Amino acid sequence: MKHLLIPIIWILATVLVAVLGHYGGWWEEPPTGVSVVRPQPVAPDMLIRQSRLVGWDGSQKTWEVKAGRIWQTNRGNQIYFEEISDGIIFSVEGKRVAFQAAWARWERFSKTLYVGGKIQARIENKTVTTEELVMRYDTEIISSFHPVTVTGKKLKMTAGSMQLDLKNEMLVLDNGVEFEQDGDSLRSKGLRYNLKTEEFELVEPEGVVLSL
């Protein structure tokens, strides 16, 4: 009897994993980080052209994207956008980040939006230019691990990477920062910039050039 129970348990466990995988979306293509050579699925379940799609989390609008082509995988666990002419990221506090990009991918289970390809994003009166962004809705943080440029009125900041905390309105630049404002320039390892007060703090300053 004991020898008979082992194969029965093994069969039941295998069937359970297969059922969960099918209905839970385990077998779909997993996130591979920010860099994606092929942002769209091989065999999409649905294809929409020249349309606008809105994502919701309960009663909270999370994103809105107008794109030339939109793919959706089976069960809608992943949505792919291409040729984005108008996109908006919404935070819980109602802040908006408008962007244009070549492509984007929404991961429903991880609540993460990946955006890539010559991005221009706008928040408040600042414009962010970079190659790829990741918005994680559980932390309300937008990250870029590629060179980034932030411009504003008489202001320009460049860095090797960026984190934008939408909840606290704090922009964190790292991996070599150059800060230019009103003809003055600063260099540092990192920088913390408050989008609301426009105050900033240098991390390990390296040099200052003043325009006299």
N, C-alpha and C. Protein backbone atom coordinates (compact mmCIF):
# COMPACT_ATOMS: atom_id res chain seq x y z
N MET A 1 0.83 -1.20 0.00
CA MET A 1 0.00 0.00 0.00
C MET A 1 0.87 1.25 0.00
N LYS A 2 1.95 1.22 0.80
CA LYS A 2 2.85 2.37 0.88
C LYS A 2 3.51 2.63 -0.46
N HIS A 3 3.91 1.56 -1.16
CA HIS A 3 4.55 1.70 -2.47
C HIS A 3 3.56 2.23 -3.52
N LEU A 4 2.29 1.96 -3.34
CA LEU A 4 1.28 2.41 -4.28
C LEU A 4 0.97 3.90 -4.13
N LEU A 5 1.05 4.42 -2.87
CA LEU A 5 0.73 5.82 -2.61
C LEU A 5 1.71 6.78 -3.26
N ILE A 6 2.99 6.41 -3.35
CA ILE A 6 4.02 7.32 -3.87
C ILE A 6 3.75 7.71 -5.32
N PRO A 7 3.51 6.74 -6.24
CA PRO A 7 3.21 7.16 -7.63
C PRO A 7 1.92 7.94 -7.76
N ILE A 8 0.91 7.64 -6.90
CA ILE A 8 -0.35 8.38 -6.95
C ILE A 8 -0.13 9.83 -6.56
N ILE A 9 0.64 10.06 -5.49
CA ILE A 9 0.94 11.44 -5.05
C ILE A 9 1.70 12.18 -6.13
N TRP A 10 2.65 11.49 -6.77
CA TRP A 10 3.46 12.12 -7.83
C TRP A 10 2.58 12.55 -9.01
N ILE A 11 1.63 11.70 -9.40
CA ILE A 11 0.72 12.00 -10.51
C ILE A 11 -0.16 13.20 -10.16
N LEU A 12 -0.71 13.23 -8.92
CA LEU A 12 -1.57 14.33 -8.50
C LEU A 12 -0.80 15.64 -8.48
N ALA A 13 0.45 15.61 -8.01
CA ALA A 13 1.26 16.83 -7.96
C ALA A 13 1.55 17.35 -9.35
N THR A 14 1.84 16.44 -10.30
CA THR A 14 2.12 16.85 -11.68
C THR A 14 0.90 17.49 -12.33
N VAL A 15 -0.28 16.91 -12.09
CA VAL A 15 -1.52 17.45 -12.66
C VAL A 15 -1.81 18.82 -12.08
N LEU A 16 -1.58 18.99 -10.75
CA LEU A 16 -1.84 20.27 -10.09
C LEU A 16 -0.95 21.37 -10.66
N VAL A 17 0.33 21.08 -10.85
CA VAL A 17 1.26 22.07 -11.41
C VAL A 17 0.85 22.44 -12.83
N ALA A 18 0.43 21.47 -13.62
CA ALA A 18 0.02 21.73 -14.99
C ALA A 18 -1.21 22.63 -15.04
N VAL A 19 -2.20 22.36 -14.15
CA VAL A 19 -3.42 23.18 -14.12
C VAL A 19 -3.11 24.60 -13.69
N LEU A 20 -2.30 24.76 -12.63
CA LEU A 20 -1.94 26.10 -12.17
C LEU A 20 -1.14 26.85 -13.23
N GLY A 21 -0.28 26.15 -13.91
CA GLY A 21 0.52 26.78 -14.95
C GLY A 21 -0.32 27.28 -16.09
N HIS A 22 -1.35 26.49 -16.45
CA HIS A 22 -2.20 26.88 -17.58
C HIS A 22 -3.06 28.07 -17.24
N TYR A 23 -3.75 28.03 -16.07
CA TYR A 23 -4.69 29.08 -15.72
C TYR A 23 -4.02 30.24 -15.01
N GLY A 24 -2.86 30.05 -14.46
CA GLY A 24 -2.17 31.13 -13.76
C GLY A 24 -1.20 31.88 -14.63
N GLY A 25 -1.00 31.41 -15.86
CA GLY A 25 -0.12 32.11 -16.77
C GLY A 25 1.35 31.85 -16.53
N TRP A 26 1.69 30.71 -15.84
CA TRP A 26 3.08 30.42 -15.54
C TRP A 26 3.90 30.17 -16.79
N TRP A 27 3.24 29.69 -17.84
CA TRP A 27 4.00 29.25 -19.01
C TRP A 27 4.26 30.40 -19.98
N GLU A 28 3.75 31.59 -19.69
CA GLU A 28 4.01 32.71 -20.59
C GLU A 28 5.44 33.18 -20.42
N GLU A 29 5.92 33.93 -21.40
CA GLU A 29 7.30 34.40 -21.41
C GLU A 29 7.59 35.25 -20.18
N PRO A 30 8.56 34.90 -19.32
CA PRO A 30 8.84 35.65 -18.10
C PRO A 30 9.55 36.95 -18.40
N PRO A 31 9.49 37.93 -17.45
CA PRO A 31 10.24 39.17 -17.65
C PRO A 31 11.73 38.88 -17.73
N THR A 32 12.42 39.53 -18.64
CA THR A 32 13.86 39.29 -18.82
C THR A 32 14.66 40.54 -18.49
N GLY A 33 14.09 41.44 -17.66
CA GLY A 33 14.79 42.67 -17.36
C GLY A 33 14.32 43.77 -18.29
N VAL A 34 15.05 44.85 -18.32
CA VAL A 34 14.62 46.00 -19.11
C VAL A 34 14.90 45.80 -20.58
N SER A 35 16.09 45.34 -20.91
CA SER A 35 16.48 45.21 -22.31
C SER A 35 15.72 44.07 -22.97
N VAL A 36 14.98 44.36 -24.00
CA VAL A 36 14.18 43.36 -24.69
C VAL A 36 14.45 43.49 -26.18
N VAL A 37 15.01 42.44 -26.78
CA VAL A 37 15.28 42.46 -28.21
C VAL A 37 13.97 42.38 -28.98
N ARG A 38 13.05 41.55 -28.52
CA ARG A 38 11.77 41.37 -29.19
C ARG A 38 10.65 41.71 -28.19
N PRO A 39 10.15 42.95 -28.20
CA PRO A 39 9.14 43.34 -27.22
C PRO A 39 7.78 42.71 -27.43
N GLN A 40 7.49 42.20 -28.61
CA GLN A 40 6.18 41.63 -28.87
C GLN A 40 6.23 40.10 -28.81
N PRO A 41 5.10 39.45 -28.49
CA PRO A 41 5.07 37.99 -28.43
C PRO A 41 5.15 37.37 -29.82
N VAL A 42 5.59 36.10 -29.87
CA VAL A 42 5.69 35.39 -31.15
C VAL A 42 4.31 35.15 -31.74
N ALA A 43 3.38 34.70 -30.90
CA ALA A 43 2.03 34.41 -31.39
C ALA A 43 1.02 35.13 -30.50
N PRO A 44 0.74 36.41 -30.77
CA PRO A 44 -0.19 37.15 -29.92
C PRO A 44 -1.61 36.61 -30.03
N ASP A 45 -2.36 36.73 -28.93
CA ASP A 45 -3.74 36.29 -28.92
C ASP A 45 -4.64 37.32 -29.61
N MET A 46 -4.22 38.60 -29.55
CA MET A 46 -5.02 39.65 -30.15
C MET A 46 -4.10 40.77 -30.63
N LEU A 47 -4.41 41.36 -31.77
CA LEU A 47 -3.63 42.46 -32.33
C LEU A 47 -4.56 43.61 -32.66
N ILE A 48 -4.22 44.82 -32.13
CA ILE A 48 -5.01 46.02 -32.36
C ILE A 48 -4.11 47.05 -33.03
N ARG A 49 -4.62 47.76 -34.01
CA ARG A 49 -3.85 48.77 -34.72
C ARG A 49 -4.43 50.17 -34.48
N GLN A 50 -3.52 51.15 -34.33
CA GLN A 50 -3.89 52.55 -34.19
C GLN A 50 -5.01 52.73 -33.16
N SER A 51 -4.67 52.45 -31.90
CA SER A 51 -5.70 52.52 -30.87
C SER A 51 -5.10 53.02 -29.56
N ARG A 52 -5.97 53.31 -28.61
CA ARG A 52 -5.58 53.76 -27.28
C ARG A 52 -6.12 52.77 -26.26
N LEU A 53 -5.26 52.36 -25.33
CA LEU A 53 -5.64 51.37 -24.32
C LEU A 53 -5.38 51.96 -22.94
N VAL A 54 -6.28 51.67 -21.99
CA VAL A 54 -6.17 52.19 -20.63
C VAL A 54 -6.09 51.02 -19.66
N GLY A 55 -5.13 51.08 -18.73
CA GLY A 55 -5.00 50.05 -17.71
C GLY A 55 -5.53 50.53 -16.37
N TRP A 56 -6.20 49.63 -15.64
CA TRP A 56 -6.80 49.97 -14.35
C TRP A 56 -6.36 48.97 -13.28
N ASP A 57 -6.26 49.46 -12.06
CA ASP A 57 -6.06 48.61 -10.89
C ASP A 57 -7.21 48.92 -9.94
N GLY A 58 -8.26 48.11 -10.01
CA GLY A 58 -9.48 48.44 -9.29
C GLY A 58 -10.10 49.68 -9.90
N SER A 59 -10.28 50.72 -9.09
CA SER A 59 -10.85 51.99 -9.59
C SER A 59 -9.76 52.99 -9.93
N GLN A 60 -8.48 52.59 -9.81
CA GLN A 60 -7.36 53.49 -10.06
C GLN A 60 -6.80 53.30 -11.46
N LYS A 61 -6.77 54.37 -12.24
CA LYS A 61 -6.16 54.31 -13.56
C LYS A 61 -4.64 54.26 -13.40
N THR A 62 -3.98 53.30 -14.05
CA THR A 62 -2.53 53.13 -13.88
C THR A 62 -1.73 53.61 -15.08
N TRP A 63 -2.23 53.39 -16.29
CA TRP A 63 -1.54 53.84 -17.48
C TRP A 63 -2.53 54.02 -18.62
N GLU A 64 -2.10 54.80 -19.59
CA GLU A 64 -2.89 55.02 -20.80
C GLU A 64 -1.92 55.17 -21.96
N VAL A 65 -2.10 54.37 -23.00
CA VAL A 65 -1.13 54.33 -24.11
C VAL A 65 -1.86 54.36 -25.45
N LYS A 66 -1.42 55.27 -26.30
CA LYS A 66 -1.88 55.30 -27.69
C LYS A 66 -0.73 54.82 -28.56
N ALA A 67 -0.96 53.75 -29.33
CA ALA A 67 0.12 53.12 -30.08
C ALA A 67 -0.34 52.71 -31.47
N GLY A 68 0.65 52.54 -32.36
CA GLY A 68 0.35 52.09 -33.71
C GLY A 68 -0.09 50.64 -33.74
N ARG A 69 0.53 49.82 -32.86
CA ARG A 69 0.15 48.40 -32.78
C ARG A 69 0.16 47.96 -31.33
N ILE A 70 -0.83 47.15 -30.96
CA ILE A 70 -0.94 46.63 -29.60
C ILE A 70 -1.18 45.13 -29.69
N TRP A 71 -0.31 44.34 -29.00
CA TRP A 71 -0.49 42.90 -28.90
C TRP A 71 -0.93 42.54 -27.50
N GLN A 72 -1.72 41.48 -27.39
CA GLN A 72 -2.09 40.96 -26.08
C GLN A 72 -1.92 39.45 -26.08
N THR A 73 -1.25 38.93 -25.05
CA THR A 73 -1.08 37.49 -24.94
C THR A 73 -2.36 36.86 -24.41
N ASN A 74 -2.41 35.55 -24.50
CA ASN A 74 -3.57 34.81 -24.02
C ASN A 74 -3.81 35.10 -22.54
N ARG A 75 -5.04 35.39 -22.17
CA ARG A 75 -5.46 35.74 -20.81
C ARG A 75 -5.03 37.14 -20.41
N GLY A 76 -4.36 37.88 -21.30
CA GLY A 76 -4.05 39.28 -21.03
C GLY A 76 -3.02 39.52 -19.96
N ASN A 77 -2.16 38.52 -19.68
CA ASN A 77 -1.15 38.71 -18.65
C ASN A 77 -0.03 39.64 -19.09
N GLN A 78 0.18 39.76 -20.40
CA GLN A 78 1.17 40.68 -20.95
C GLN A 78 0.55 41.44 -22.13
N ILE A 79 0.83 42.74 -22.17
CA ILE A 79 0.37 43.57 -23.28
C ILE A 79 1.57 44.31 -23.84
N TYR A 80 1.71 44.31 -25.16
CA TYR A 80 2.85 44.93 -25.83
C TYR A 80 2.37 46.08 -26.71
N PHE A 81 3.11 47.19 -26.67
CA PHE A 81 2.77 48.37 -27.46
C PHE A 81 3.95 48.71 -28.36
N GLU A 82 3.66 49.16 -29.56
CA GLU A 82 4.70 49.58 -30.49
C GLU A 82 4.28 50.88 -31.16
N GLU A 83 5.28 51.74 -31.45
CA GLU A 83 5.03 53.05 -32.08
C GLU A 83 4.12 53.89 -31.19
N ILE A 84 4.60 54.18 -29.98
CA ILE A 84 3.80 54.92 -28.99
C ILE A 84 3.90 56.42 -29.27
N SER A 85 2.78 57.02 -29.62
CA SER A 85 2.75 58.46 -29.87
C SER A 85 2.34 59.24 -28.64
N ASP A 86 1.64 58.59 -27.72
CA ASP A 86 1.15 59.28 -26.53
C ASP A 86 0.94 58.25 -25.42
N GLY A 87 1.69 58.39 -24.33
CA GLY A 87 1.54 57.49 -23.20
C GLY A 87 1.52 58.28 -21.90
N ILE A 88 0.81 57.76 -20.91
CA ILE A 88 0.73 58.42 -19.60
C ILE A 88 0.89 57.37 -18.51
N ILE A 89 1.78 57.62 -17.55
CA ILE A 89 1.90 56.80 -16.35
C ILE A 89 1.23 57.56 -15.21
N PHE A 90 0.30 56.90 -14.51
CA PHE A 90 -0.39 57.52 -13.39
C PHE A 90 0.13 56.93 -12.08
N SER A 91 0.34 57.78 -11.08
CA SER A 91 0.72 57.29 -9.75
C SER A 91 -0.52 57.26 -8.87
N VAL A 92 -0.38 56.63 -7.70
CA VAL A 92 -1.50 56.54 -6.77
C VAL A 92 -1.94 57.93 -6.32
N GLU A 93 -0.97 58.85 -6.18
CA GLU A 93 -1.27 60.20 -5.71
C GLU A 93 -1.81 61.10 -6.82
N GLY A 94 -1.98 60.55 -8.02
CA GLY A 94 -2.54 61.33 -9.10
C GLY A 94 -1.51 62.05 -9.95
N LYS A 95 -0.23 61.83 -9.71
CA LYS A 95 0.81 62.44 -10.53
C LYS A 95 0.85 61.75 -11.90
N ARG A 96 1.23 62.51 -12.92
CA ARG A 96 1.24 61.99 -14.29
C ARG A 96 2.62 62.15 -14.91
N VAL A 97 3.05 61.11 -15.61
CA VAL A 97 4.28 61.17 -16.40
C VAL A 97 3.88 60.85 -17.84
N ALA A 98 3.95 61.86 -18.71
CA ALA A 98 3.61 61.66 -20.12
C ALA A 98 4.87 61.25 -20.87
N PHE A 99 4.72 60.35 -21.85
CA PHE A 99 5.90 59.88 -22.56
C PHE A 99 5.59 59.50 -24.00
N GLN A 100 6.65 59.49 -24.80
CA GLN A 100 6.64 58.95 -26.15
C GLN A 100 7.80 57.96 -26.23
N ALA A 101 7.60 56.86 -26.95
CA ALA A 101 8.64 55.82 -27.01
C ALA A 101 8.37 54.90 -28.19
N ALA A 102 9.35 54.03 -28.46
CA ALA A 102 9.20 53.07 -29.56
C ALA A 102 8.31 51.90 -29.14
N TRP A 103 8.44 51.45 -27.89
CA TRP A 103 7.66 50.29 -27.45
C TRP A 103 7.46 50.30 -25.94
N ALA A 104 6.54 49.48 -25.48
CA ALA A 104 6.31 49.28 -24.05
C ALA A 104 5.75 47.89 -23.82
N ARG A 105 5.91 47.38 -22.60
CA ARG A 105 5.36 46.06 -22.24
C ARG A 105 4.79 46.13 -20.83
N TRP A 106 3.54 45.73 -20.69
CA TRP A 106 2.87 45.71 -19.39
C TRP A 106 2.84 44.29 -18.85
N GLU A 107 3.36 44.09 -17.64
CA GLU A 107 3.34 42.79 -16.96
C GLU A 107 2.28 42.87 -15.86
N ARG A 108 1.16 42.20 -16.08
CA ARG A 108 0.03 42.34 -15.16
C ARG A 108 0.33 41.77 -13.78
N PHE A 109 0.95 40.59 -13.69
CA PHE A 109 1.17 39.95 -12.40
C PHE A 109 2.14 40.73 -11.53
N SER A 110 3.21 41.26 -12.12
CA SER A 110 4.20 42.01 -11.34
C SER A 110 3.87 43.50 -11.26
N LYS A 111 2.81 43.92 -11.96
CA LYS A 111 2.40 45.33 -11.99
C LYS A 111 3.58 46.22 -12.37
N THR A 112 4.21 45.87 -13.49
CA THR A 112 5.40 46.59 -13.95
C THR A 112 5.22 46.98 -15.41
N LEU A 113 5.55 48.23 -15.72
CA LEU A 113 5.49 48.72 -17.09
C LEU A 113 6.92 48.99 -17.56
N TYR A 114 7.33 48.30 -18.65
CA TYR A 114 8.64 48.50 -19.27
C TYR A 114 8.45 49.38 -20.50
N VAL A 115 9.30 50.40 -20.64
CA VAL A 115 9.20 51.32 -21.77
C VAL A 115 10.59 51.45 -22.38
N GLY A 116 10.69 51.44 -23.72
CA GLY A 116 12.00 51.50 -24.34
C GLY A 116 12.01 52.16 -25.70
N GLY A 117 13.19 52.60 -26.13
CA GLY A 117 13.37 53.13 -27.46
C GLY A 117 13.20 54.63 -27.57
N LYS A 118 14.30 55.39 -27.37
CA LYS A 118 14.30 56.85 -27.56
C LYS A 118 13.14 57.50 -26.81
N ILE A 119 13.16 57.34 -25.50
CA ILE A 119 12.06 57.83 -24.66
C ILE A 119 12.21 59.32 -24.39
N GLN A 120 11.11 60.02 -24.47
CA GLN A 120 10.98 61.38 -23.96
C GLN A 120 9.81 61.38 -22.99
N ALA A 121 10.12 61.59 -21.71
CA ALA A 121 9.09 61.59 -20.67
C ALA A 121 9.03 62.97 -20.02
N ARG A 122 7.84 63.39 -19.63
CA ARG A 122 7.65 64.71 -19.05
C ARG A 122 6.91 64.60 -17.72
N ILE A 123 7.50 65.19 -16.67
CA ILE A 123 6.85 65.27 -15.36
C ILE A 123 7.05 66.67 -14.83
N GLU A 124 5.93 67.27 -14.39
CA GLU A 124 5.95 68.68 -13.97
C GLU A 124 6.51 69.52 -15.12
N ASN A 125 7.58 70.26 -14.89
CA ASN A 125 8.19 71.08 -15.95
C ASN A 125 9.55 70.54 -16.37
N LYS A 126 9.77 69.23 -16.18
CA LYS A 126 11.04 68.59 -16.52
C LYS A 126 10.82 67.57 -17.63
N THR A 127 11.83 67.43 -18.50
CA THR A 127 11.80 66.43 -19.56
C THR A 127 12.94 65.45 -19.35
N VAL A 128 12.62 64.17 -19.38
CA VAL A 128 13.61 63.10 -19.18
C VAL A 128 13.81 62.38 -20.52
N THR A 129 15.06 62.27 -20.94
CA THR A 129 15.39 61.56 -22.17
C THR A 129 16.32 60.40 -21.83
N THR A 130 15.95 59.21 -22.26
CA THR A 130 16.77 58.03 -22.00
C THR A 130 16.36 56.92 -22.97
N GLU A 131 16.97 55.74 -22.83
CA GLU A 131 16.70 54.64 -23.74
C GLU A 131 15.65 53.68 -23.20
N GLU A 132 15.63 53.46 -21.88
CA GLU A 132 14.67 52.52 -21.31
C GLU A 132 14.27 52.95 -19.90
N LEU A 133 13.00 52.70 -19.57
CA LEU A 133 12.46 53.00 -18.24
C LEU A 133 11.68 51.81 -17.71
N VAL A 134 11.65 51.68 -16.39
CA VAL A 134 10.83 50.66 -15.75
C VAL A 134 9.99 51.33 -14.66
N MET A 135 8.66 51.16 -14.72
CA MET A 135 7.77 51.70 -13.70
C MET A 135 7.22 50.54 -12.89
N ARG A 136 7.55 50.51 -11.59
CA ARG A 136 7.04 49.47 -10.68
C ARG A 136 5.97 50.11 -9.80
N TYR A 137 4.74 49.63 -9.96
CA TYR A 137 3.63 50.25 -9.28
C TYR A 137 3.56 49.90 -7.80
N ASP A 138 4.25 48.84 -7.36
CA ASP A 138 4.24 48.52 -5.94
C ASP A 138 5.09 49.50 -5.14
N THR A 139 6.11 50.10 -5.77
CA THR A 139 6.97 51.07 -5.09
C THR A 139 6.76 52.50 -5.56
N GLU A 140 6.02 52.69 -6.67
CA GLU A 140 5.80 54.01 -7.25
C GLU A 140 7.13 54.65 -7.68
N ILE A 141 8.06 53.82 -8.17
CA ILE A 141 9.38 54.31 -8.59
C ILE A 141 9.61 53.98 -10.06
N ILE A 142 10.07 54.98 -10.81
CA ILE A 142 10.49 54.80 -12.20
C ILE A 142 12.00 54.77 -12.24
N SER A 143 12.57 53.75 -12.87
CA SER A 143 14.03 53.59 -12.91
C SER A 143 14.54 53.53 -14.33
N SER A 144 15.77 53.99 -14.52
CA SER A 144 16.49 53.82 -15.77
C SER A 144 17.92 53.46 -15.44
N PHE A 145 18.42 52.40 -16.07
CA PHE A 145 19.79 51.96 -15.85
C PHE A 145 20.65 52.28 -17.08
N HIS A 146 20.22 53.26 -17.83
CA HIS A 146 20.92 53.74 -19.01
C HIS A 146 21.22 55.23 -18.83
N PRO A 147 22.15 55.79 -19.60
CA PRO A 147 22.41 57.23 -19.52
C PRO A 147 21.12 58.03 -19.68
N VAL A 148 20.97 59.06 -18.84
CA VAL A 148 19.74 59.84 -18.81
C VAL A 148 20.07 61.33 -18.80
N THR A 149 19.21 62.11 -19.46
CA THR A 149 19.33 63.57 -19.46
C THR A 149 18.02 64.16 -18.97
N VAL A 150 18.11 65.07 -18.02
CA VAL A 150 16.94 65.75 -17.48
C VAL A 150 17.09 67.24 -17.75
N THR A 151 16.12 67.83 -18.41
CA THR A 151 16.19 69.25 -18.74
C THR A 151 14.98 70.00 -18.19
N GLY A 152 15.20 71.27 -17.86
CA GLY A 152 14.15 72.16 -17.40
C GLY A 152 14.51 73.58 -17.77
N LYS A 153 13.85 74.55 -17.16
CA LYS A 153 14.14 75.95 -17.45
C LYS A 153 15.53 76.30 -16.93
N LYS A 154 16.43 76.62 -17.86
CA LYS A 154 17.82 76.95 -17.53
C LYS A 154 18.49 75.87 -16.70
N LEU A 155 18.10 74.61 -16.93
CA LEU A 155 18.61 73.49 -16.14
C LEU A 155 18.88 72.29 -17.03
N LYS A 156 20.00 71.62 -16.77
CA LYS A 156 20.31 70.38 -17.47
C LYS A 156 21.09 69.47 -16.54
N MET A 157 20.65 68.22 -16.44
CA MET A 157 21.33 67.22 -15.61
C MET A 157 21.55 65.96 -16.44
N THR A 158 22.74 65.40 -16.38
CA THR A 158 23.02 64.13 -17.05
C THR A 158 23.60 63.16 -16.03
N ALA A 159 23.31 61.88 -16.23
CA ALA A 159 23.80 60.86 -15.30
C ALA A 159 23.80 59.50 -15.98
N GLY A 160 24.45 58.52 -15.31
CA GLY A 160 24.49 57.16 -15.85
C GLY A 160 23.26 56.35 -15.53
N SER A 161 22.50 56.74 -14.50
CA SER A 161 21.28 56.02 -14.13
C SER A 161 20.38 56.95 -13.34
N MET A 162 19.12 56.53 -13.14
CA MET A 162 18.13 57.40 -12.51
C MET A 162 17.08 56.59 -11.77
N GLN A 163 16.58 57.16 -10.67
CA GLN A 163 15.39 56.67 -9.99
C GLN A 163 14.49 57.87 -9.69
N LEU A 164 13.23 57.76 -10.09
CA LEU A 164 12.27 58.83 -9.86
C LEU A 164 11.18 58.31 -8.93
N ASP A 165 11.19 58.80 -7.69
CA ASP A 165 10.21 58.41 -6.68
C ASP A 165 9.00 59.33 -6.81
N LEU A 166 7.92 58.82 -7.42
CA LEU A 166 6.74 59.65 -7.67
C LEU A 166 6.02 60.00 -6.38
N LYS A 167 6.05 59.11 -5.41
CA LYS A 167 5.35 59.34 -4.15
C LYS A 167 5.96 60.51 -3.39
N ASN A 168 7.29 60.56 -3.35
CA ASN A 168 7.98 61.62 -2.61
C ASN A 168 8.51 62.74 -3.50
N GLU A 169 8.23 62.66 -4.80
CA GLU A 169 8.66 63.67 -5.77
C GLU A 169 10.18 63.90 -5.70
N MET A 170 10.92 62.81 -5.60
CA MET A 170 12.37 62.88 -5.47
C MET A 170 13.05 62.20 -6.66
N LEU A 171 13.92 62.93 -7.33
CA LEU A 171 14.71 62.41 -8.45
C LEU A 171 16.11 62.11 -7.95
N VAL A 172 16.54 60.86 -8.10
CA VAL A 172 17.87 60.44 -7.66
C VAL A 172 18.69 60.06 -8.89
N LEU A 173 19.79 60.79 -9.12
CA LEU A 173 20.70 60.50 -10.23
C LEU A 173 21.97 59.91 -9.68
N ASP A 174 22.58 58.98 -10.45
CA ASP A 174 23.77 58.29 -9.96
C ASP A 174 24.70 57.95 -11.12
N ASN A 175 25.87 57.40 -10.76
CA ASN A 175 26.88 56.93 -11.73
C ASN A 175 27.44 58.05 -12.59
N GLY A 176 27.85 59.13 -11.93
CA GLY A 176 28.47 60.25 -12.64
C GLY A 176 27.45 61.27 -13.07
N VAL A 177 27.36 62.38 -12.32
CA VAL A 177 26.34 63.40 -12.57
C VAL A 177 26.99 64.71 -13.00
N GLU A 178 26.44 65.33 -14.02
CA GLU A 178 26.80 66.69 -14.41
C GLU A 178 25.55 67.55 -14.30
N PHE A 179 25.67 68.63 -13.52
CA PHE A 179 24.54 69.50 -13.24
C PHE A 179 24.86 70.90 -13.75
N GLU A 180 24.02 71.45 -14.63
CA GLU A 180 24.23 72.78 -15.18
C GLU A 180 23.00 73.64 -14.95
N GLN A 181 23.23 74.84 -14.39
CA GLN A 181 22.11 75.76 -14.13
C GLN A 181 22.62 77.19 -14.14
N ASP A 182 21.97 78.03 -14.94
CA ASP A 182 22.33 79.45 -15.02
C ASP A 182 23.82 79.66 -15.31
N GLY A 183 24.39 78.83 -16.14
CA GLY A 183 25.78 78.99 -16.51
C GLY A 183 26.77 78.33 -15.57
N ASP A 184 26.33 77.90 -14.38
CA ASP A 184 27.20 77.20 -13.43
C ASP A 184 27.08 75.69 -13.67
N SER A 185 28.16 74.98 -13.41
CA SER A 185 28.14 73.52 -13.59
C SER A 185 28.79 72.84 -12.39
N LEU A 186 28.22 71.68 -12.04
CA LEU A 186 28.71 70.87 -10.92
C LEU A 186 28.89 69.45 -11.41
N ARG A 187 29.83 68.75 -10.80
CA ARG A 187 30.02 67.33 -11.08
C ARG A 187 30.05 66.57 -9.76
N SER A 188 29.41 65.42 -9.73
CA SER A 188 29.39 64.61 -8.51
C SER A 188 29.09 63.16 -8.86
N LYS A 189 29.28 62.30 -7.88
CA LYS A 189 28.95 60.88 -8.10
C LYS A 189 27.44 60.69 -8.21
N GLY A 190 26.70 61.43 -7.39
CA GLY A 190 25.25 61.31 -7.39
C GLY A 190 24.59 62.62 -7.01
N LEU A 191 23.26 62.67 -7.15
CA LEU A 191 22.52 63.88 -6.85
C LEU A 191 21.08 63.52 -6.49
N ARG A 192 20.55 64.22 -5.48
CA ARG A 192 19.15 64.07 -5.09
C ARG A 192 18.45 65.41 -5.36
N TYR A 193 17.39 65.37 -6.19
CA TYR A 193 16.73 66.60 -6.62
C TYR A 193 15.24 66.51 -6.27
N ASN A 194 14.76 67.47 -5.48
CA ASN A 194 13.36 67.52 -5.10
C ASN A 194 12.57 68.25 -6.18
N LEU A 195 11.68 67.55 -6.85
CA LEU A 195 10.92 68.14 -7.96
C LEU A 195 9.96 69.23 -7.50
N LYS A 196 9.52 69.15 -6.25
CA LYS A 196 8.55 70.12 -5.74
C LYS A 196 9.23 71.42 -5.33
N THR A 197 10.31 71.31 -4.55
CA THR A 197 11.00 72.51 -4.05
C THR A 197 12.15 72.94 -4.94
N GLU A 198 12.59 72.04 -5.86
CA GLU A 198 13.73 72.27 -6.75
C GLU A 198 15.04 72.44 -5.97
N GLU A 199 15.08 71.94 -4.75
CA GLU A 199 16.32 71.91 -3.98
C GLU A 199 17.07 70.62 -4.31
N PHE A 200 18.40 70.65 -4.23
CA PHE A 200 19.16 69.45 -4.56
C PHE A 200 20.31 69.25 -3.58
N GLU A 201 20.77 68.02 -3.51
CA GLU A 201 21.88 67.63 -2.63
C GLU A 201 22.87 66.79 -3.43
N LEU A 202 24.13 67.17 -3.43
CA LEU A 202 25.16 66.44 -4.14
C LEU A 202 25.68 65.28 -3.30
N VAL A 203 25.99 64.18 -3.96
CA VAL A 203 26.60 63.02 -3.30
C VAL A 203 28.02 62.89 -3.82
N GLU A 204 28.98 63.07 -2.94
CA GLU A 204 30.42 63.02 -3.28
C GLU A 204 30.75 63.97 -4.43
N PRO A 205 30.68 65.30 -4.15
CA PRO A 205 31.01 66.29 -5.20
C PRO A 205 32.41 66.10 -5.73
N GLU A 206 32.58 66.36 -7.03
CA GLU A 206 33.88 66.18 -7.67
C GLU A 206 34.44 67.47 -8.23
N GLY A 207 33.59 68.47 -8.52
CA GLY A 207 34.10 69.71 -9.07
C GLY A 207 33.00 70.71 -9.30
N VAL A 208 33.39 72.01 -9.27
CA VAL A 208 32.42 73.09 -9.46
C VAL A 208 33.02 74.11 -10.42
N VAL A 209 32.22 74.56 -11.39
CA VAL A 209 32.63 75.64 -12.29
C VAL A 209 31.55 76.73 -12.22
N LEU A 210 31.94 77.93 -11.76
CA LEU A 210 31.00 79.03 -11.59
C LEU A 210 31.14 80.03 -12.73
N SER A 211 29.99 80.55 -13.16
CA SER A 211 29.97 81.59 -14.18
C SER A 211 29.91 82.95 -13.50
N LEU A 212 31.00 83.70 -13.54
CA LEU A 212 31.10 84.97 -12.81
C LEU A 212 30.77 86.16 -13.73
